Amino acid sequence: MKLYESDQQIADCIDAETGEIIDFERLNTLTMERDAKIENIALAYKNYLAEADALKAEKDAFAEREERARNRASWLKGYLAQALEGQKFTTPRVAIGFRKSQAVVVSCDPSILPADLQKIKPPEADKTAIKAAIKAGREIPGCCIEERLNISIK
């Protein structure tokens, strides 16, 4: 039996008009079954959460190992570039070459550049400041504090 079916059967044990319990024993059994189902669902939730945390820890460990490997590779690449000083190097298993590139270096304050040469980010709402202003009694069009009900399973 599913949880929503338990709720319906519990309602069937009570007379809708008078509120009188029709079958006390069945009501007691159904209530205990419902409590057990809720407990099992909450335990399953906790298990999935623990599994997700374990997977995240594993993912973080792999990300850390990946970063270390990339840093070592980057260091070795720089070491080779310094050792070869722009000269080509070729063996049957490795070919190292160099190519020229261009990069733009901006050493001034970007705000003094012409507008067509700047990137301007769109404004964002400061939700913390908005909440404080509304709580202080200020009315802000298009903004309100919404009351929410959040479940906590421990």
N, C-alpha and C. Protein backbone atom coordinates (compact mmCIF):
# COMPACT_ATOMS: atom_id res chain seq x y z
N MET A 1 0.85 -1.17 0.00
CA MET A 1 0.00 0.00 0.00
C MET A 1 0.90 1.24 0.00
N LYS A 2 0.51 2.23 -0.78
CA LYS A 2 1.26 3.47 -0.90
C LYS A 2 0.82 4.45 0.18
N LEU A 3 1.66 5.45 0.43
CA LEU A 3 1.40 6.42 1.50
C LEU A 3 0.08 7.15 1.28
N TYR A 4 -0.19 7.57 0.05
CA TYR A 4 -1.45 8.29 -0.20
C TYR A 4 -2.67 7.38 -0.04
N GLU A 5 -2.48 6.06 -0.28
CA GLU A 5 -3.58 5.12 -0.06
C GLU A 5 -3.84 4.95 1.43
N SER A 6 -2.78 4.99 2.25
CA SER A 6 -2.93 4.89 3.70
C SER A 6 -3.75 6.06 4.21
N ASP A 7 -3.46 7.26 3.72
CA ASP A 7 -4.21 8.44 4.15
C ASP A 7 -5.71 8.29 3.85
N GLN A 8 -6.02 7.75 2.68
CA GLN A 8 -7.42 7.56 2.30
C GLN A 8 -8.09 6.52 3.19
N GLN A 9 -7.40 5.43 3.47
CA GLN A 9 -7.98 4.37 4.31
C GLN A 9 -8.14 4.85 5.75
N ILE A 10 -7.24 5.69 6.23
CA ILE A 10 -7.39 6.27 7.57
C ILE A 10 -8.62 7.15 7.61
N ALA A 11 -8.82 7.93 6.55
CA ALA A 11 -10.01 8.79 6.48
C ALA A 11 -11.28 7.94 6.44
N ASP A 12 -11.23 6.76 5.83
CA ASP A 12 -12.40 5.88 5.76
C ASP A 12 -12.76 5.29 7.13
N CYS A 13 -11.82 5.28 8.07
CA CYS A 13 -12.08 4.74 9.41
C CYS A 13 -12.81 5.75 10.30
N ILE A 14 -12.94 6.97 9.82
CA ILE A 14 -13.59 8.03 10.61
C ILE A 14 -14.84 8.48 9.88
N ASP A 15 -15.94 8.58 10.62
CA ASP A 15 -17.20 9.06 10.04
C ASP A 15 -17.04 10.55 9.72
N ALA A 16 -17.24 10.89 8.45
CA ALA A 16 -17.02 12.26 8.00
C ALA A 16 -18.01 13.24 8.62
N GLU A 17 -19.21 12.80 8.88
CA GLU A 17 -20.23 13.70 9.41
C GLU A 17 -20.08 13.95 10.90
N THR A 18 -19.84 12.89 11.65
CA THR A 18 -19.79 13.03 13.11
C THR A 18 -18.37 13.13 13.65
N GLY A 19 -17.39 12.67 12.88
CA GLY A 19 -16.01 12.66 13.36
C GLY A 19 -15.72 11.48 14.28
N GLU A 20 -16.69 10.56 14.37
CA GLU A 20 -16.57 9.39 15.25
C GLU A 20 -15.72 8.33 14.57
N ILE A 21 -14.88 7.65 15.36
CA ILE A 21 -14.03 6.59 14.83
C ILE A 21 -14.88 5.34 14.63
N ILE A 22 -14.92 4.81 13.41
CA ILE A 22 -15.73 3.65 13.07
C ILE A 22 -15.01 2.36 13.47
N ASP A 23 -13.74 2.24 13.09
CA ASP A 23 -12.98 1.02 13.37
C ASP A 23 -11.66 1.43 14.02
N PHE A 24 -11.64 1.44 15.37
CA PHE A 24 -10.48 1.93 16.12
C PHE A 24 -9.25 1.06 15.87
N GLU A 25 -9.43 -0.27 15.86
CA GLU A 25 -8.30 -1.18 15.68
C GLU A 25 -7.64 -1.00 14.32
N ARG A 26 -8.46 -0.91 13.28
CA ARG A 26 -7.94 -0.72 11.92
C ARG A 26 -7.26 0.65 11.81
N LEU A 27 -7.85 1.65 12.43
CA LEU A 27 -7.27 2.99 12.42
C LEU A 27 -5.89 2.98 13.07
N ASN A 28 -5.77 2.29 14.18
CA ASN A 28 -4.50 2.19 14.89
C ASN A 28 -3.45 1.49 14.02
N THR A 29 -3.85 0.37 13.39
CA THR A 29 -2.94 -0.38 12.52
C THR A 29 -2.50 0.48 11.33
N LEU A 30 -3.46 1.14 10.69
CA LEU A 30 -3.14 1.98 9.54
C LEU A 30 -2.23 3.15 9.92
N THR A 31 -2.46 3.73 11.08
CA THR A 31 -1.62 4.83 11.55
C THR A 31 -0.19 4.36 11.78
N MET A 32 -0.04 3.17 12.37
CA MET A 32 1.30 2.64 12.59
C MET A 32 1.97 2.32 11.25
N GLU A 33 1.23 1.76 10.29
CA GLU A 33 1.79 1.48 8.97
C GLU A 33 2.21 2.78 8.28
N ARG A 34 1.37 3.81 8.41
CA ARG A 34 1.68 5.10 7.80
C ARG A 34 2.95 5.69 8.41
N ASP A 35 3.07 5.61 9.74
CA ASP A 35 4.27 6.12 10.42
C ASP A 35 5.52 5.37 9.96
N ALA A 36 5.37 4.04 9.80
CA ALA A 36 6.51 3.23 9.34
C ALA A 36 6.90 3.62 7.92
N LYS A 37 5.92 3.86 7.06
CA LYS A 37 6.20 4.27 5.68
C LYS A 37 6.91 5.63 5.66
N ILE A 38 6.43 6.56 6.46
CA ILE A 38 7.07 7.88 6.51
C ILE A 38 8.50 7.76 7.01
N GLU A 39 8.69 6.92 8.04
CA GLU A 39 10.04 6.72 8.56
C GLU A 39 10.95 6.12 7.49
N ASN A 40 10.45 5.10 6.77
CA ASN A 40 11.25 4.47 5.72
C ASN A 40 11.59 5.44 4.59
N ILE A 41 10.65 6.29 4.23
CA ILE A 41 10.91 7.29 3.18
C ILE A 41 11.99 8.26 3.66
N ALA A 42 11.89 8.71 4.92
CA ALA A 42 12.89 9.63 5.47
C ALA A 42 14.26 8.97 5.54
N LEU A 43 14.30 7.67 5.90
CA LEU A 43 15.58 6.95 5.94
C LEU A 43 16.16 6.79 4.54
N ALA A 44 15.31 6.54 3.55
CA ALA A 44 15.79 6.44 2.17
C ALA A 44 16.36 7.78 1.73
N TYR A 45 15.69 8.87 2.10
CA TYR A 45 16.19 10.21 1.80
C TYR A 45 17.59 10.41 2.39
N LYS A 46 17.75 10.03 3.67
CA LYS A 46 19.05 10.18 4.33
C LYS A 46 20.12 9.33 3.64
N ASN A 47 19.76 8.11 3.21
CA ASN A 47 20.71 7.24 2.51
C ASN A 47 21.15 7.86 1.19
N TYR A 48 20.19 8.39 0.42
CA TYR A 48 20.54 9.02 -0.84
C TYR A 48 21.42 10.25 -0.62
N LEU A 49 21.12 11.01 0.42
CA LEU A 49 21.92 12.18 0.74
C LEU A 49 23.35 11.78 1.12
N ALA A 50 23.48 10.73 1.92
CA ALA A 50 24.81 10.24 2.31
C ALA A 50 25.58 9.74 1.08
N GLU A 51 24.88 9.04 0.19
CA GLU A 51 25.52 8.57 -1.03
C GLU A 51 25.97 9.75 -1.89
N ALA A 52 25.13 10.77 -2.00
CA ALA A 52 25.50 11.96 -2.78
C ALA A 52 26.72 12.65 -2.17
N ASP A 53 26.77 12.73 -0.84
CA ASP A 53 27.94 13.33 -0.18
C ASP A 53 29.20 12.52 -0.44
N ALA A 54 29.08 11.19 -0.39
CA ALA A 54 30.23 10.34 -0.66
C ALA A 54 30.70 10.50 -2.11
N LEU A 55 29.76 10.56 -3.04
CA LEU A 55 30.12 10.76 -4.44
C LEU A 55 30.77 12.12 -4.66
N LYS A 56 30.28 13.15 -3.97
CA LYS A 56 30.87 14.48 -4.09
C LYS A 56 32.30 14.47 -3.55
N ALA A 57 32.51 13.79 -2.42
CA ALA A 57 33.86 13.71 -1.85
C ALA A 57 34.81 13.01 -2.83
N GLU A 58 34.31 11.95 -3.45
CA GLU A 58 35.12 11.24 -4.45
C GLU A 58 35.40 12.13 -5.65
N LYS A 59 34.38 12.86 -6.10
CA LYS A 59 34.54 13.78 -7.23
C LYS A 59 35.56 14.87 -6.89
N ASP A 60 35.49 15.39 -5.65
CA ASP A 60 36.44 16.42 -5.23
C ASP A 60 37.86 15.87 -5.18
N ALA A 61 38.00 14.62 -4.71
CA ALA A 61 39.32 14.00 -4.67
C ALA A 61 39.88 13.84 -6.08
N PHE A 62 39.03 13.41 -7.02
CA PHE A 62 39.47 13.29 -8.41
C PHE A 62 39.81 14.65 -9.00
N ALA A 63 39.02 15.67 -8.67
CA ALA A 63 39.29 17.01 -9.18
C ALA A 63 40.63 17.52 -8.66
N GLU A 64 40.93 17.22 -7.39
CA GLU A 64 42.21 17.62 -6.81
C GLU A 64 43.37 16.91 -7.51
N ARG A 65 43.20 15.60 -7.75
CA ARG A 65 44.24 14.85 -8.47
C ARG A 65 44.41 15.38 -9.89
N GLU A 66 43.28 15.73 -10.55
CA GLU A 66 43.34 16.28 -11.90
C GLU A 66 44.11 17.61 -11.89
N GLU A 67 43.82 18.46 -10.92
CA GLU A 67 44.49 19.75 -10.84
C GLU A 67 45.99 19.58 -10.63
N ARG A 68 46.37 18.65 -9.74
CA ARG A 68 47.80 18.39 -9.51
C ARG A 68 48.47 17.91 -10.79
N ALA A 69 47.82 17.00 -11.51
CA ALA A 69 48.41 16.48 -12.75
C ALA A 69 48.54 17.58 -13.80
N ARG A 70 47.51 18.45 -13.91
CA ARG A 70 47.58 19.56 -14.86
C ARG A 70 48.68 20.55 -14.48
N ASN A 71 48.83 20.80 -13.18
CA ASN A 71 49.89 21.71 -12.73
C ASN A 71 51.28 21.15 -13.03
N ARG A 72 51.46 19.84 -12.79
CA ARG A 72 52.74 19.20 -13.12
C ARG A 72 53.01 19.30 -14.62
N ALA A 73 51.98 19.00 -15.43
CA ALA A 73 52.14 19.07 -16.88
C ALA A 73 52.50 20.50 -17.31
N SER A 74 51.83 21.49 -16.73
CA SER A 74 52.09 22.89 -17.07
C SER A 74 53.52 23.27 -16.70
N TRP A 75 53.97 22.81 -15.53
CA TRP A 75 55.33 23.12 -15.11
C TRP A 75 56.33 22.50 -16.08
N LEU A 76 56.09 21.23 -16.46
CA LEU A 76 56.99 20.56 -17.40
C LEU A 76 57.01 21.25 -18.76
N LYS A 77 55.87 21.73 -19.20
CA LYS A 77 55.78 22.45 -20.47
C LYS A 77 56.62 23.73 -20.41
N GLY A 78 56.50 24.47 -19.31
CA GLY A 78 57.30 25.68 -19.14
C GLY A 78 58.78 25.37 -19.06
N TYR A 79 59.11 24.27 -18.38
CA TYR A 79 60.50 23.85 -18.26
C TYR A 79 61.08 23.53 -19.64
N LEU A 80 60.30 22.81 -20.47
CA LEU A 80 60.74 22.50 -21.83
C LEU A 80 60.90 23.77 -22.66
N ALA A 81 59.94 24.68 -22.55
CA ALA A 81 60.01 25.94 -23.31
C ALA A 81 61.27 26.71 -22.94
N GLN A 82 61.60 26.73 -21.67
CA GLN A 82 62.80 27.44 -21.22
C GLN A 82 64.06 26.72 -21.72
N ALA A 83 64.06 25.39 -21.66
CA ALA A 83 65.24 24.63 -22.07
C ALA A 83 65.47 24.71 -23.58
N LEU A 84 64.40 24.71 -24.38
CA LEU A 84 64.55 24.71 -25.83
C LEU A 84 64.73 26.11 -26.42
N GLU A 85 64.30 27.14 -25.70
CA GLU A 85 64.45 28.53 -26.13
C GLU A 85 63.96 28.76 -27.56
N GLY A 86 62.79 28.18 -27.90
CA GLY A 86 62.19 28.41 -29.21
C GLY A 86 62.66 27.48 -30.31
N GLN A 87 63.57 26.57 -30.06
CA GLN A 87 64.07 25.65 -31.08
C GLN A 87 63.16 24.42 -31.16
N LYS A 88 63.01 23.89 -32.38
CA LYS A 88 62.22 22.68 -32.56
C LYS A 88 62.98 21.48 -32.03
N PHE A 89 62.22 20.45 -31.60
CA PHE A 89 62.81 19.21 -31.12
C PHE A 89 61.92 18.08 -31.62
N THR A 90 62.52 17.09 -32.27
CA THR A 90 61.75 15.98 -32.83
C THR A 90 62.46 14.66 -32.58
N THR A 91 61.69 13.67 -32.14
CA THR A 91 62.13 12.28 -32.03
C THR A 91 61.00 11.44 -32.62
N PRO A 92 61.19 10.14 -32.78
CA PRO A 92 60.10 9.32 -33.30
C PRO A 92 58.84 9.33 -32.41
N ARG A 93 58.98 9.64 -31.13
CA ARG A 93 57.84 9.61 -30.23
C ARG A 93 57.31 10.98 -29.85
N VAL A 94 58.07 12.05 -30.08
CA VAL A 94 57.68 13.39 -29.65
C VAL A 94 58.10 14.42 -30.68
N ALA A 95 57.24 15.41 -30.88
CA ALA A 95 57.59 16.56 -31.74
C ALA A 95 57.21 17.82 -30.98
N ILE A 96 58.19 18.69 -30.75
CA ILE A 96 57.95 19.94 -30.03
C ILE A 96 58.25 21.08 -30.99
N GLY A 97 57.29 21.97 -31.11
CA GLY A 97 57.47 23.13 -31.99
C GLY A 97 56.95 24.38 -31.30
N PHE A 98 57.23 25.52 -31.88
CA PHE A 98 56.79 26.80 -31.34
C PHE A 98 56.09 27.57 -32.43
N ARG A 99 55.12 28.38 -32.08
CA ARG A 99 54.46 29.27 -33.03
C ARG A 99 54.26 30.61 -32.35
N LYS A 100 54.21 31.64 -33.17
CA LYS A 100 54.04 32.99 -32.64
C LYS A 100 52.56 33.28 -32.47
N SER A 101 52.23 34.12 -31.48
CA SER A 101 50.86 34.54 -31.25
C SER A 101 50.87 35.99 -30.77
N GLN A 102 49.68 36.58 -30.75
CA GLN A 102 49.55 37.96 -30.29
C GLN A 102 48.56 38.00 -29.14
N ALA A 103 48.83 38.90 -28.19
CA ALA A 103 47.93 39.07 -27.05
C ALA A 103 47.77 40.56 -26.77
N VAL A 104 46.58 40.96 -26.39
CA VAL A 104 46.31 42.36 -26.04
C VAL A 104 46.55 42.51 -24.54
N VAL A 105 47.35 43.51 -24.18
CA VAL A 105 47.64 43.79 -22.78
C VAL A 105 47.03 45.14 -22.44
N VAL A 106 46.16 45.19 -21.45
CA VAL A 106 45.53 46.44 -21.01
C VAL A 106 46.15 46.81 -19.67
N SER A 107 46.94 47.88 -19.66
CA SER A 107 47.62 48.27 -18.43
C SER A 107 47.03 49.53 -17.81
N CYS A 108 45.90 50.01 -18.39
CA CYS A 108 45.24 51.20 -17.84
C CYS A 108 43.92 50.80 -17.21
N ASP A 109 43.28 51.76 -16.56
CA ASP A 109 41.97 51.53 -15.97
C ASP A 109 40.94 51.37 -17.09
N PRO A 110 40.21 50.25 -17.16
CA PRO A 110 39.26 50.03 -18.26
C PRO A 110 38.16 51.09 -18.35
N SER A 111 37.90 51.81 -17.27
CA SER A 111 36.83 52.82 -17.30
C SER A 111 37.20 54.04 -18.14
N ILE A 112 38.47 54.24 -18.44
CA ILE A 112 38.86 55.40 -19.27
C ILE A 112 38.84 55.07 -20.76
N LEU A 113 38.61 53.81 -21.09
CA LEU A 113 38.53 53.41 -22.49
C LEU A 113 37.19 53.87 -23.08
N PRO A 114 37.12 54.07 -24.41
CA PRO A 114 35.84 54.42 -25.04
C PRO A 114 34.80 53.33 -24.77
N ALA A 115 33.52 53.72 -24.74
CA ALA A 115 32.43 52.81 -24.39
C ALA A 115 32.36 51.58 -25.28
N ASP A 116 32.70 51.73 -26.57
CA ASP A 116 32.61 50.58 -27.48
C ASP A 116 33.73 49.57 -27.24
N LEU A 117 34.69 49.92 -26.38
CA LEU A 117 35.80 49.01 -26.07
C LEU A 117 35.70 48.47 -24.64
N GLN A 118 34.55 48.65 -24.01
CA GLN A 118 34.33 48.16 -22.64
C GLN A 118 33.24 47.09 -22.63
N LYS A 119 33.33 46.20 -21.67
CA LYS A 119 32.26 45.23 -21.41
C LYS A 119 31.58 45.69 -20.13
N ILE A 120 30.29 45.94 -20.22
CA ILE A 120 29.54 46.39 -19.06
C ILE A 120 28.56 45.29 -18.67
N LYS A 121 28.63 44.89 -17.40
CA LYS A 121 27.76 43.83 -16.92
C LYS A 121 26.40 44.41 -16.55
N PRO A 122 25.32 43.66 -16.79
CA PRO A 122 23.99 44.13 -16.39
C PRO A 122 23.88 44.14 -14.86
N PRO A 123 23.07 45.06 -14.32
CA PRO A 123 22.94 45.12 -12.85
C PRO A 123 22.22 43.89 -12.29
N GLU A 124 22.56 43.55 -11.06
CA GLU A 124 21.92 42.44 -10.36
C GLU A 124 21.23 42.98 -9.11
N ALA A 125 20.19 42.30 -8.71
CA ALA A 125 19.46 42.69 -7.50
C ALA A 125 20.25 42.25 -6.27
N ASP A 126 20.41 43.15 -5.31
CA ASP A 126 21.05 42.83 -4.03
C ASP A 126 19.95 42.37 -3.08
N LYS A 127 19.70 41.05 -3.03
CA LYS A 127 18.57 40.51 -2.27
C LYS A 127 18.71 40.77 -0.78
N THR A 128 19.92 40.78 -0.26
CA THR A 128 20.12 41.05 1.16
C THR A 128 19.70 42.47 1.50
N ALA A 129 20.10 43.43 0.67
CA ALA A 129 19.74 44.83 0.90
C ALA A 129 18.23 45.04 0.73
N ILE A 130 17.64 44.37 -0.26
CA ILE A 130 16.20 44.49 -0.50
C ILE A 130 15.42 43.96 0.71
N LYS A 131 15.85 42.81 1.24
CA LYS A 131 15.18 42.22 2.40
C LYS A 131 15.26 43.17 3.60
N ALA A 132 16.44 43.74 3.83
CA ALA A 132 16.61 44.67 4.95
C ALA A 132 15.74 45.91 4.78
N ALA A 133 15.64 46.41 3.53
CA ALA A 133 14.83 47.61 3.28
C ALA A 133 13.35 47.32 3.49
N ILE A 134 12.87 46.17 3.04
CA ILE A 134 11.45 45.82 3.22
C ILE A 134 11.15 45.63 4.70
N LYS A 135 12.05 44.98 5.44
CA LYS A 135 11.84 44.79 6.87
C LYS A 135 11.83 46.13 7.61
N ALA A 136 12.55 47.11 7.06
CA ALA A 136 12.60 48.44 7.69
C ALA A 136 11.36 49.26 7.36
N GLY A 137 10.45 48.71 6.51
CA GLY A 137 9.20 49.40 6.20
C GLY A 137 9.17 50.07 4.84
N ARG A 138 10.21 49.96 4.09
CA ARG A 138 10.25 50.57 2.77
C ARG A 138 9.50 49.71 1.77
N GLU A 139 8.72 50.33 0.90
CA GLU A 139 8.00 49.59 -0.14
C GLU A 139 8.81 49.66 -1.43
N ILE A 140 9.08 48.49 -2.00
CA ILE A 140 9.87 48.41 -3.23
C ILE A 140 9.01 47.72 -4.28
N PRO A 141 8.67 48.41 -5.38
CA PRO A 141 7.82 47.79 -6.40
C PRO A 141 8.48 46.55 -7.00
N GLY A 142 7.70 45.49 -7.12
CA GLY A 142 8.19 44.25 -7.72
C GLY A 142 8.96 43.36 -6.76
N CYS A 143 9.06 43.76 -5.50
CA CYS A 143 9.80 42.98 -4.51
C CYS A 143 8.94 42.74 -3.28
N CYS A 144 9.08 41.56 -2.70
CA CYS A 144 8.39 41.25 -1.45
C CYS A 144 9.15 40.14 -0.75
N ILE A 145 8.86 39.96 0.52
CA ILE A 145 9.44 38.85 1.27
C ILE A 145 8.42 37.73 1.26
N GLU A 146 8.84 36.58 0.79
CA GLU A 146 7.95 35.42 0.65
C GLU A 146 8.24 34.44 1.79
N GLU A 147 7.21 34.07 2.50
CA GLU A 147 7.34 33.09 3.58
C GLU A 147 7.34 31.70 2.96
N ARG A 148 8.33 30.88 3.32
CA ARG A 148 8.43 29.53 2.77
C ARG A 148 8.50 28.51 3.89
N LEU A 149 8.09 27.30 3.59
CA LEU A 149 8.13 26.21 4.55
C LEU A 149 9.15 25.19 4.04
N ASN A 150 10.25 25.02 4.76
CA ASN A 150 11.32 24.13 4.33
C ASN A 150 11.37 22.92 5.25
N ILE A 151 11.48 21.74 4.67
CA ILE A 151 11.52 20.50 5.45
C ILE A 151 12.95 20.24 5.89
N SER A 152 13.11 19.68 7.08
CA SER A 152 14.41 19.33 7.61
C SER A 152 14.36 17.87 8.04
N ILE A 153 15.24 17.05 7.49
CA ILE A 153 15.28 15.63 7.84
C ILE A 153 16.66 15.33 8.40
N LYS A 154 16.69 14.84 9.62
CA LYS A 154 17.99 14.55 10.26
C LYS A 154 18.04 13.12 10.73
